[in-house]
């Protein structure tokens, strides 16, 4: 499962499966992101007192140069599986964020 699929499944429980499927079909952005996802979309910040939905998303592993050279003998699929791990993440709805005006 990709991060997008994980987020879509969580969004379906919040907004309804039909709404999420329509958003995906029309290319519309699902309004459920991590803090990093919101800041990538503009100058957003989490409103004071808001709590995100805890989940686990795929995160790219930081690798040392010597680790990369050891993996040269592995196939691409095997090395790709080692490059990512599941990490705790918090997702926030659009009503939980605000545009920074400072």
PDB file of N, CA and C in Angstrom:
ATOM      1  N   UNK A   1       0.830  -1.186   0.000  1.00  0.00           N
ATOM      2  CA  UNK A   1       0.000   0.000   0.000  1.00  0.00           C
ATOM      3  C   UNK A   1       0.874   1.249   0.000  1.00  0.00           C
ATOM      4  N   UNK A   2       0.522   2.215  -0.789  1.00  0.00           N
ATOM      5  CA  UNK A   2       1.263   3.477  -0.826  1.00  0.00           C
ATOM      6  C   UNK A   2       0.696   4.436   0.220  1.00  0.00           C
ATOM      7  N   UNK A   3       1.432   5.523   0.482  1.00  0.00           N
ATOM      8  CA  UNK A   3       0.934   6.534   1.415  1.00  0.00           C
ATOM      9  C   UNK A   3      -0.386   7.122   0.936  1.00  0.00           C
ATOM     10  N   UNK A   4      -0.522   7.318  -0.373  1.00  0.00           N
ATOM     11  CA  UNK A   4      -1.754   7.878  -0.919  1.00  0.00           C
ATOM     12  C   UNK A   4      -2.939   6.954  -0.661  1.00  0.00           C
ATOM     13  N   UNK A   5      -2.726   5.648  -0.776  1.00  0.00           N
ATOM     14  CA  UNK A   5      -3.800   4.685  -0.522  1.00  0.00           C
ATOM     15  C   UNK A   5      -4.153   4.645   0.965  1.00  0.00           C
ATOM     16  N   UNK A   6      -3.151   4.725   1.818  1.00  0.00           N
ATOM     17  CA  UNK A   6      -3.402   4.745   3.260  1.00  0.00           C
ATOM     18  C   UNK A   6      -4.217   5.972   3.635  1.00  0.00           C
ATOM     19  N   UNK A   7      -3.832   7.132   3.110  1.00  0.00           N
ATOM     20  CA  UNK A   7      -4.543   8.384   3.400  1.00  0.00           C
ATOM     21  C   UNK A   7      -5.954   8.337   2.829  1.00  0.00           C
ATOM     22  N   UNK A   8      -6.127   7.788   1.636  1.00  0.00           N
ATOM     23  CA  UNK A   8      -7.463   7.681   1.034  1.00  0.00           C
ATOM     24  C   UNK A   8      -8.374   6.791   1.873  1.00  0.00           C
ATOM     25  N   UNK A   9      -7.849   5.697   2.419  1.00  0.00           N
ATOM     26  CA  UNK A   9      -8.649   4.824   3.276  1.00  0.00           C
ATOM     27  C   UNK A   9      -9.099   5.544   4.545  1.00  0.00           C
ATOM     28  N   UNK A  10      -8.200   6.313   5.142  1.00  0.00           N
ATOM     29  CA  UNK A  10      -8.550   7.077   6.342  1.00  0.00           C
ATOM     30  C   UNK A  10      -9.556   8.173   5.993  1.00  0.00           C
ATOM     31  N   UNK A  11      -9.342   8.844   4.870  1.00  0.00           N
ATOM     32  CA  UNK A  11     -10.259   9.906   4.438  1.00  0.00           C
ATOM     33  C   UNK A  11     -11.647   9.346   4.168  1.00  0.00           C
ATOM     34  N   UNK A  12     -11.741   8.110   3.687  1.00  0.00           N
ATOM     35  CA  UNK A  12     -13.043   7.500   3.403  1.00  0.00           C
ATOM     36  C   UNK A  12     -13.863   7.344   4.683  1.00  0.00           C
ATOM     37  N   UNK A  13     -13.193   7.115   5.807  1.00  0.00           N
ATOM     38  CA  UNK A  13     -13.926   6.999   7.072  1.00  0.00           C
ATOM     39  C   UNK A  13     -14.398   8.361   7.574  1.00  0.00           C
ATOM     40  N   UNK A  14     -13.709   9.422   7.159  1.00  0.00           N
ATOM     41  CA  UNK A  14     -14.066  10.777   7.601  1.00  0.00           C
ATOM     42  C   UNK A  14     -15.099  11.410   6.670  1.00  0.00           C
ATOM     43  N   UNK A  15     -14.806  11.405   5.369  1.00  0.00           N
ATOM     44  CA  UNK A  15     -15.626  12.113   4.393  1.00  0.00           C
ATOM     45  C   UNK A  15     -16.624  11.219   3.661  1.00  0.00           C
ATOM     46  N   UNK A  16     -16.475   9.920   3.786  1.00  0.00           N
ATOM     47  CA  UNK A  16     -17.327   8.984   3.066  1.00  0.00           C
ATOM     48  C   UNK A  16     -16.615   8.453   1.838  1.00  0.00           C
ATOM     49  N   UNK A  17     -16.822   7.182   1.570  1.00  0.00           N
ATOM     50  CA  UNK A  17     -16.107   6.539   0.471  1.00  0.00           C
ATOM     51  C   UNK A  17     -16.459   7.142  -0.883  1.00  0.00           C
ATOM     52  N   UNK A  18     -17.743   7.467  -1.105  1.00  0.00           N
ATOM     53  CA  UNK A  18     -18.160   8.050  -2.388  1.00  0.00           C
ATOM     54  C   UNK A  18     -17.485   9.394  -2.638  1.00  0.00           C
ATOM     55  N   UNK A  19     -17.412  10.228  -1.605  1.00  0.00           N
ATOM     56  CA  UNK A  19     -16.787  11.544  -1.738  1.00  0.00           C
ATOM     57  C   UNK A  19     -15.309  11.410  -2.080  1.00  0.00           C
ATOM     58  N   UNK A  20     -14.629  10.506  -1.405  1.00  0.00           N
ATOM     59  CA  UNK A  20     -13.198  10.318  -1.650  1.00  0.00           C
ATOM     60  C   UNK A  20     -12.962   9.764  -3.048  1.00  0.00           C
ATOM     61  N   UNK A  21     -13.790   8.807  -3.476  1.00  0.00           N
ATOM     62  CA  UNK A  21     -13.647   8.247  -4.819  1.00  0.00           C
ATOM     63  C   UNK A  21     -13.870   9.315  -5.880  1.00  0.00           C
ATOM     64  N   UNK A  22     -14.818  10.214  -5.650  1.00  0.00           N
ATOM     65  CA  UNK A  22     -15.064  11.318  -6.574  1.00  0.00           C
ATOM     66  C   UNK A  22     -13.860  12.254  -6.619  1.00  0.00           C
ATOM     67  N   UNK A  23     -13.293  12.562  -5.449  1.00  0.00           N
ATOM     68  CA  UNK A  23     -12.103  13.426  -5.395  1.00  0.00           C
ATOM     69  C   UNK A  23     -10.955  12.813  -6.187  1.00  0.00           C
ATOM     70  N   UNK A  24     -10.730  11.518  -5.996  1.00  0.00           N
ATOM     71  CA  UNK A  24      -9.643  10.848  -6.699  1.00  0.00           C
ATOM     72  C   UNK A  24      -9.899  10.789  -8.206  1.00  0.00           C
ATOM     73  N   UNK A  25     -11.143  10.546  -8.594  1.00  0.00           N
ATOM     74  CA  UNK A  25     -11.484  10.440 -10.013  1.00  0.00           C
ATOM     75  C   UNK A  25     -11.324  11.773 -10.734  1.00  0.00           C
ATOM     76  N   UNK A  26     -11.600  12.877 -10.048  1.00  0.00           N
ATOM     77  CA  UNK A  26     -11.514  14.194 -10.667  1.00  0.00           C
ATOM     78  C   UNK A  26     -10.137  14.837 -10.481  1.00  0.00           C
ATOM     79  N   UNK A  27      -9.238  14.138  -9.768  1.00  0.00           N
ATOM     80  CA  UNK A  27      -7.897  14.679  -9.544  1.00  0.00           C
ATOM     81  C   UNK A  27      -7.851  15.712  -8.442  1.00  0.00           C
ATOM     82  N   UNK A  28      -8.913  15.799  -7.679  1.00  0.00           N
ATOM     83  CA  UNK A  28      -8.981  16.760  -6.581  1.00  0.00           C
ATOM     84  C   UNK A  28      -8.121  16.269  -5.414  1.00  0.00           C
ATOM     85  N   UNK A  29      -7.541  17.186  -4.677  1.00  0.00           N
ATOM     86  CA  UNK A  29      -6.687  16.869  -3.544  1.00  0.00           C
ATOM     87  C   UNK A  29      -7.551  16.511  -2.331  1.00  0.00           C
ATOM     88  N   UNK A  30      -7.279  15.374  -1.698  1.00  0.00           N
ATOM     89  CA  UNK A  30      -7.986  15.000  -0.476  1.00  0.00           C
ATOM     90  C   UNK A  30      -7.477  15.917   0.637  1.00  0.00           C
ATOM     91  N   UNK A  31      -8.367  16.616   1.359  1.00  0.00           N
ATOM     92  CA  UNK A  31      -7.926  17.582   2.373  1.00  0.00           C
ATOM     93  C   UNK A  31      -7.521  16.917   3.686  1.00  0.00           C
ATOM     94  N   UNK A  32      -6.533  16.034   3.609  1.00  0.00           N
ATOM     95  CA  UNK A  32      -6.038  15.319   4.782  1.00  0.00           C
ATOM     96  C   UNK A  32      -4.542  15.086   4.566  1.00  0.00           C
ATOM     97  N   UNK A  33      -3.721  15.801   5.344  1.00  0.00           N
ATOM     98  CA  UNK A  33      -2.274  15.755   5.126  1.00  0.00           C
ATOM     99  C   UNK A  33      -1.524  15.809   6.452  1.00  0.00           C
ATOM    100  N   UNK A  34      -0.252  15.456   6.393  1.00  0.00           N
ATOM    101  CA  UNK A  34       0.642  15.668   7.524  1.00  0.00           C
ATOM    102  C   UNK A  34       0.986  17.161   7.573  1.00  0.00           C
ATOM    103  N   UNK A  35       1.647  17.569   8.633  1.00  0.00           N
ATOM    104  CA  UNK A  35       2.079  18.970   8.711  1.00  0.00           C
ATOM    105  C   UNK A  35       2.969  19.313   7.524  1.00  0.00           C
ATOM    106  N   UNK A  36       3.890  18.411   7.188  1.00  0.00           N
ATOM    107  CA  UNK A  36       4.774  18.650   6.045  1.00  0.00           C
ATOM    108  C   UNK A  36       3.959  18.758   4.749  1.00  0.00           C
ATOM    109  N   UNK A  37       2.918  17.952   4.620  1.00  0.00           N
ATOM    110  CA  UNK A  37       2.063  18.011   3.437  1.00  0.00           C
ATOM    111  C   UNK A  37       1.326  19.336   3.326  1.00  0.00           C
ATOM    112  N   UNK A  38       0.850  19.853   4.465  1.00  0.00           N
ATOM    113  CA  UNK A  38       0.164  21.146   4.430  1.00  0.00           C
ATOM    114  C   UNK A  38       1.137  22.284   4.106  1.00  0.00           C
ATOM    115  N   UNK A  39       2.322  22.262   4.712  1.00  0.00           N
ATOM    116  CA  UNK A  39       3.273  23.346   4.452  1.00  0.00           C
ATOM    117  C   UNK A  39       3.777  23.309   3.009  1.00  0.00           C
ATOM    118  N   UNK A  40       3.760  22.149   2.383  1.00  0.00           N
ATOM    119  CA  UNK A  40       4.138  22.061   0.967  1.00  0.00           C
ATOM    120  C   UNK A  40       3.076  22.697   0.082  1.00  0.00           C
ATOM    121  N   UNK A  41       1.853  22.820   0.585  1.00  0.00           N
ATOM    122  CA  UNK A  41       0.753  23.389  -0.190  1.00  0.00           C
ATOM    123  C   UNK A  41       0.549  24.877   0.066  1.00  0.00           C
ATOM    124  N   UNK A  42       1.323  25.437   0.964  1.00  0.00           N
ATOM    125  CA  UNK A  42       1.196  26.864   1.245  1.00  0.00           C
ATOM    126  C   UNK A  42       1.659  27.156   2.656  1.00  0.00           C
ATOM    127  N   UNK A  43       1.513  28.403   3.068  1.00  0.00           N
ATOM    128  CA  UNK A  43       1.974  28.774   4.416  1.00  0.00           C
ATOM    129  C   UNK A  43       0.946  28.398   5.494  1.00  0.00           C
ATOM    130  N   UNK A  44       0.759  27.093   5.708  1.00  0.00           N
ATOM    131  CA  UNK A  44      -0.204  26.616   6.702  1.00  0.00           C
ATOM    132  C   UNK A  44       0.480  26.269   8.011  1.00  0.00           C
ATOM    133  N   UNK A  45      -0.296  26.329   9.085  1.00  0.00           N
ATOM    134  CA  UNK A  45       0.136  25.823  10.376  1.00  0.00           C
ATOM    135  C   UNK A  45      -1.070  25.173  11.055  1.00  0.00           C
ATOM    136  N   UNK A  46      -0.786  24.313  12.003  1.00  0.00           N
ATOM    137  CA  UNK A  46      -1.837  23.628  12.735  1.00  0.00           C
ATOM    138  C   UNK A  46      -2.424  24.601  13.753  1.00  0.00           C
ATOM    139  N   UNK A  47      -3.742  24.651  13.851  1.00  0.00           N
ATOM    140  CA  UNK A  47      -4.388  25.516  14.827  1.00  0.00           C
ATOM    141  C   UNK A  47      -4.053  25.040  16.241  1.00  0.00           C
ATOM    142  N   UNK A  48      -3.951  25.977  17.141  1.00  0.00           N
ATOM    143  CA  UNK A  48      -3.612  25.667  18.531  1.00  0.00           C
ATOM    144  C   UNK A  48      -4.672  24.726  19.124  1.00  0.00           C
ATOM    145  N   UNK A  49      -4.193  23.685  19.783  1.00  0.00           N
ATOM    146  CA  UNK A  49      -5.085  22.747  20.452  1.00  0.00           C
ATOM    147  C   UNK A  49      -5.583  21.602  19.584  1.00  0.00           C
ATOM    148  N   UNK A  50      -5.261  21.612  18.298  1.00  0.00           N
ATOM    149  CA  UNK A  50      -5.719  20.544  17.401  1.00  0.00           C
ATOM    150  C   UNK A  50      -4.806  19.329  17.512  1.00  0.00           C
ATOM    151  N   UNK A  51      -5.402  18.168  17.383  1.00  0.00           N
ATOM    152  CA  UNK A  51      -4.666  16.911  17.432  1.00  0.00           C
ATOM    153  C   UNK A  51      -4.917  16.156  16.138  1.00  0.00           C
ATOM    154  N   UNK A  52      -3.871  15.609  15.570  1.00  0.00           N
ATOM    155  CA  UNK A  52      -3.994  14.869  14.321  1.00  0.00           C
ATOM    156  C   UNK A  52      -4.421  13.432  14.546  1.00  0.00           C
ATOM    157  N   UNK A  53      -4.788  12.803  13.457  1.00  0.00           N
ATOM    158  CA  UNK A  53      -5.132  11.386  13.475  1.00  0.00           C
ATOM    159  C   UNK A  53      -3.845  10.585  13.350  1.00  0.00           C
ATOM    160  N   UNK A  54      -3.566   9.747  14.320  1.00  0.00           N
ATOM    161  CA  UNK A  54      -2.322   8.979  14.301  1.00  0.00           C
ATOM    162  C   UNK A  54      -2.447   7.803  13.340  1.00  0.00           C
ATOM    163  N   UNK A  55      -1.427   7.630  12.525  1.00  0.00           N
ATOM    164  CA  UNK A  55      -1.361   6.527  11.578  1.00  0.00           C
ATOM    165  C   UNK A  55       0.099   6.185  11.336  1.00  0.00           C
ATOM    166  N   UNK A  56       0.332   5.257  10.444  1.00  0.00           N
ATOM    167  CA  UNK A  56       1.704   4.926  10.031  1.00  0.00           C
ATOM    168  C   UNK A  56       1.792   5.091   8.527  1.00  0.00           C
ATOM    169  N   UNK A  57       2.803   5.838   8.094  1.00  0.00           N
ATOM    170  CA  UNK A  57       3.048   6.068   6.674  1.00  0.00           C
ATOM    171  C   UNK A  57       4.467   5.636   6.336  1.00  0.00           C
ATOM    172  N   UNK A  58       4.697   5.394   5.049  1.00  0.00           N
ATOM    173  CA  UNK A  58       6.030   5.024   4.584  1.00  0.00           C
ATOM    174  C   UNK A  58       6.944   6.236   4.622  1.00  0.00           C
ATOM    175  N   UNK A  59       8.156   6.034   5.109  1.00  0.00           N
ATOM    176  CA  UNK A  59       9.146   7.095   5.169  1.00  0.00           C
ATOM    177  C   UNK A  59      10.458   6.564   4.598  1.00  0.00           C
ATOM    178  N   UNK A  60      11.155   7.401   3.850  1.00  0.00           N
ATOM    179  CA  UNK A  60      12.420   7.000   3.248  1.00  0.00           C
ATOM    180  C   UNK A  60      13.509   6.968   4.310  1.00  0.00           C
ATOM    181  N   UNK A  61      14.244   5.893   4.312  1.00  0.00           N
ATOM    182  CA  UNK A  61      15.331   5.698   5.263  1.00  0.00           C
ATOM    183  C   UNK A  61      16.542   6.529   4.839  1.00  0.00           C
ATOM    184  N   UNK A  62      17.176   7.185   5.809  1.00  0.00           N
ATOM    185  CA  UNK A  62      18.422   7.904   5.535  1.00  0.00           C
ATOM    186  C   UNK A  62      19.524   6.871   5.527  1.00  0.00           C
ATOM    187  N   UNK A  63      20.319   6.875   4.475  1.00  0.00           N
ATOM    188  CA  UNK A  63      21.338   5.839   4.306  1.00  0.00           C
ATOM    189  C   UNK A  63      22.726   6.450   4.319  1.00  0.00           C
ATOM    190  N   UNK A  64      23.656   5.697   4.851  1.00  0.00           N
ATOM    191  CA  UNK A  64      25.051   6.101   4.824  1.00  0.00           C
ATOM    192  C   UNK A  64      25.658   5.628   3.517  1.00  0.00           C
ATOM    193  N   UNK A  65      26.718   6.268   3.068  1.00  0.00           N
ATOM    194  CA  UNK A  65      27.363   5.911   1.803  1.00  0.00           C
ATOM    195  C   UNK A  65      27.818   4.458   1.779  1.00  0.00           C
ATOM    196  N   UNK A  66      28.328   3.933   2.887  1.00  0.00           N
ATOM    197  CA  UNK A  66      28.796   2.553   2.893  1.00  0.00           C
ATOM    198  C   UNK A  66      27.639   1.570   2.754  1.00  0.00           C
ATOM    199  N   UNK A  67      26.432   1.936   3.265  1.00  0.00           N
ATOM    200  CA  UNK A  67      25.264   1.077   3.108  1.00  0.00           C
ATOM    201  C   UNK A  67      24.866   0.963   1.650  1.00  0.00           C
ATOM    202  N   UNK A  68      25.003   2.031   0.901  1.00  0.00           N
ATOM    203  CA  UNK A  68      24.648   2.034  -0.517  1.00  0.00           C
ATOM    204  C   UNK A  68      25.567   1.105  -1.284  1.00  0.00           C
ATOM    205  N   UNK A  69      26.865   1.135  -1.001  1.00  0.00           N
ATOM    206  CA  UNK A  69      27.802   0.278  -1.724  1.00  0.00           C
ATOM    207  C   UNK A  69      27.569  -1.193  -1.408  1.00  0.00           C
ATOM    208  N   UNK A  70      27.118  -1.526  -0.208  1.00  0.00           N
ATOM    209  CA  UNK A  70      26.823  -2.909   0.149  1.00  0.00           C
ATOM    210  C   UNK A  70      25.608  -3.435  -0.594  1.00  0.00           C
ATOM    211  N   UNK A  71      24.679  -2.559  -0.937  1.00  0.00           N
ATOM    212  CA  UNK A  71      23.444  -2.963  -1.594  1.00  0.00           C
ATOM    213  C   UNK A  71      23.581  -3.077  -3.109  1.00  0.00           C
ATOM    214  N   UNK A  72      24.731  -2.777  -3.675  1.00  0.00           N
ATOM    215  CA  UNK A  72      24.884  -2.833  -5.129  1.00  0.00           C
ATOM    216  C   UNK A  72      24.692  -4.241  -5.667  1.00  0.00           C
ATOM    217  N   UNK A  73      24.952  -5.258  -4.851  1.00  0.00           N
ATOM    218  CA  UNK A  73      24.803  -6.636  -5.288  1.00  0.00           C
ATOM    219  C   UNK A  73      23.357  -7.120  -5.244  1.00  0.00           C
ATOM    220  N   UNK A  74      22.461  -6.379  -4.578  1.00  0.00           N
ATOM    221  CA  UNK A  74      21.057  -6.778  -4.465  1.00  0.00           C
ATOM    222  C   UNK A  74      20.277  -6.314  -5.687  1.00  0.00           C
ATOM    223  N   UNK A  75      19.144  -6.961  -5.913  1.00  0.00           N
ATOM    224  CA  UNK A  75      18.277  -6.529  -7.013  1.00  0.00           C
ATOM    225  C   UNK A  75      17.599  -5.219  -6.616  1.00  0.00           C
ATOM    226  N   UNK A  76      17.051  -4.533  -7.593  1.00  0.00           N
ATOM    227  CA  UNK A  76      16.416  -3.240  -7.335  1.00  0.00           C
ATOM    228  C   UNK A  76      15.253  -3.368  -6.370  1.00  0.00           C
ATOM    229  N   UNK A  77      14.424  -4.395  -6.528  1.00  0.00           N
ATOM    230  CA  UNK A  77      13.260  -4.559  -5.657  1.00  0.00           C
ATOM    231  C   UNK A  77      13.680  -4.796  -4.208  1.00  0.00           C
ATOM    232  N   UNK A  78      14.697  -5.609  -3.988  1.00  0.00           N
ATOM    233  CA  UNK A  78      15.160  -5.875  -2.631  1.00  0.00           C
ATOM    234  C   UNK A  78      15.706  -4.619  -1.974  1.00  0.00           C
ATOM    235  N   UNK A  79      16.476  -3.838  -2.713  1.00  0.00           N
ATOM    236  CA  UNK A  79      17.047  -2.622  -2.134  1.00  0.00           C
ATOM    237  C   UNK A  79      15.966  -1.573  -1.900  1.00  0.00           C
ATOM    238  N   UNK A  80      14.958  -1.504  -2.745  1.00  0.00           N
ATOM    239  CA  UNK A  80      13.868  -0.545  -2.562  1.00  0.00           C
ATOM    240  C   UNK A  80      13.100  -0.859  -1.291  1.00  0.00           C
ATOM    241  N   UNK A  81      12.864  -2.128  -1.005  1.00  0.00           N
ATOM    242  CA  UNK A  81      12.152  -2.501   0.213  1.00  0.00           C
ATOM    243  C   UNK A  81      12.904  -2.078   1.460  1.00  0.00           C
ATOM    244  N   UNK A  82      14.223  -2.045   1.414  1.00  0.00           N
ATOM    245  CA  UNK A  82      15.018  -1.636   2.555  1.00  0.00           C
ATOM    246  C   UNK A  82      15.127  -0.118   2.669  1.00  0.00           C
ATOM    247  N   UNK A  83      14.772   0.605   1.636  1.00  0.00           N
ATOM    248  CA  UNK A  83      14.899   2.059   1.633  1.00  0.00           C
ATOM    249  C   UNK A  83      13.760   2.763   2.364  1.00  0.00           C
ATOM    250  N   UNK A  84      12.682   2.044   2.672  1.00  0.00           N
ATOM    251  CA  UNK A  84      11.516   2.646   3.312  1.00  0.00           C
ATOM    252  C   UNK A  84      11.128   1.856   4.553  1.00  0.00           C
ATOM    253  N   UNK A  85      10.499   2.548   5.494  1.00  0.00           N
ATOM    254  CA  UNK A  85       9.980   1.893   6.693  1.00  0.00           C
ATOM    255  C   UNK A  85       8.705   2.613   7.119  1.00  0.00           C
ATOM    256  N   UNK A  86       7.894   1.935   7.938  1.00  0.00           N
ATOM    257  CA  UNK A  86       6.656   2.530   8.424  1.00  0.00           C
ATOM    258  C   UNK A  86       6.971   3.378   9.653  1.00  0.00           C
ATOM    259  N   UNK A  87       6.555   4.633   9.615  1.00  0.00           N
ATOM    260  CA  UNK A  87       6.812   5.554  10.721  1.00  0.00           C
ATOM    261  C   UNK A  87       5.504   6.181  11.180  1.00  0.00           C
ATOM    262  N   UNK A  88       5.442   6.512  12.457  1.00  0.00           N
ATOM    263  CA  UNK A  88       4.251   7.163  12.998  1.00  0.00           C
ATOM    264  C   UNK A  88       4.089   8.533  12.351  1.00  0.00           C
ATOM    265  N   UNK A  89       2.864   8.859  11.971  1.00  0.00           N
ATOM    266  CA  UNK A  89       2.574  10.155  11.358  1.00  0.00           C
ATOM    267  C   UNK A  89       1.217  10.640  11.864  1.00  0.00           C
ATOM    268  N   UNK A  90       0.993  11.928  11.786  1.00  0.00           N
ATOM    269  CA  UNK A  90      -0.268  12.515  12.199  1.00  0.00           C
ATOM    270  C   UNK A  90      -0.864  13.264  11.014  1.00  0.00           C
ATOM    271  N   UNK A  91      -2.124  12.983  10.726  1.00  0.00           N
ATOM    272  CA  UNK A  91      -2.828  13.617   9.618  1.00  0.00           C
ATOM    273  C   UNK A  91      -3.799  14.661  10.155  1.00  0.00           C
ATOM    274  N   UNK A  92      -3.882  15.784   9.443  1.00  0.00           N
ATOM    275  CA  UNK A  92      -4.749  16.884   9.859  1.00  0.00           C
ATOM    276  C   UNK A  92      -5.724  17.224   8.739  1.00  0.00           C
ATOM    277  N   UNK A  93      -6.985  17.485   9.122  1.00  0.00           N
ATOM    278  CA  UNK A  93      -8.019  17.901   8.164  1.00  0.00           C
ATOM    279  C   UNK A  93      -7.858  19.393   7.853  1.00  0.00           C
ATOM    280  N   UNK A  94      -8.534  19.837   6.819  1.00  0.00           N
ATOM    281  CA  UNK A  94      -8.440  21.245   6.402  1.00  0.00           C
ATOM    282  C   UNK A  94      -8.950  22.191   7.480  1.00  0.00           C
ATOM    283  N   UNK A  95      -9.943  21.759   8.259  1.00  0.00           N
ATOM    284  CA  UNK A  95     -10.469  22.640   9.307  1.00  0.00           C
ATOM    285  C   UNK A  95      -9.563  22.702  10.537  1.00  0.00           C
ATOM    286  N   UNK A  96      -8.487  21.930  10.540  1.00  0.00           N
ATOM    287  CA  UNK A  96      -7.537  21.943  11.648  1.00  0.00           C
ATOM    288  C   UNK A  96      -6.304  22.796  11.367  1.00  0.00           C
ATOM    289  N   UNK A  97      -6.229  23.357  10.179  1.00  0.00           N
ATOM    290  CA  UNK A  97      -5.080  24.184   9.815  1.00  0.00           C
ATOM    291  C   UNK A  97      -5.537  25.591   9.462  1.00  0.00           C
ATOM    292  N   UNK A  98      -4.602  26.512   9.514  1.00  0.00           N
ATOM    293  CA  UNK A  98      -4.898  27.896   9.153  1.00  0.00           C
ATOM    294  C   UNK A  98      -3.714  28.452   8.373  1.00  0.00           C
ATOM    295  N   UNK A  99      -3.995  29.445   7.556  1.00  0.00           N
ATOM    296  CA  UNK A  99      -2.944  30.087   6.771  1.00  0.00           C
ATOM    297  C   UNK A  99      -2.195  31.042   7.665  1.00  0.00           C
ATOM    298  N   UNK A 100      -0.872  30.999   7.575  1.00  0.00           N
ATOM    299  CA  UNK A 100      -0.015  31.881   8.371  1.00  0.00           C
ATOM    300  C   UNK A 100      -0.080  33.271   7.750  1.00  0.00           C
ATOM    301  N   UNK A 101      -0.415  34.263   8.572  1.00  0.00           N
ATOM    302  CA  UNK A 101      -0.509  35.644   8.067  1.00  0.00           C
ATOM    303  C   UNK A 101       0.529  36.558   8.670  1.00  0.00           C
ATOM    304  N   UNK A 102       1.452  36.017   9.448  1.00  0.00           N
ATOM    305  CA  UNK A 102       2.468  36.844  10.130  1.00  0.00           C
ATOM    306  C   UNK A 102       3.434  37.435   9.155  1.00  0.00           C
TER     307      UNK A 102
END
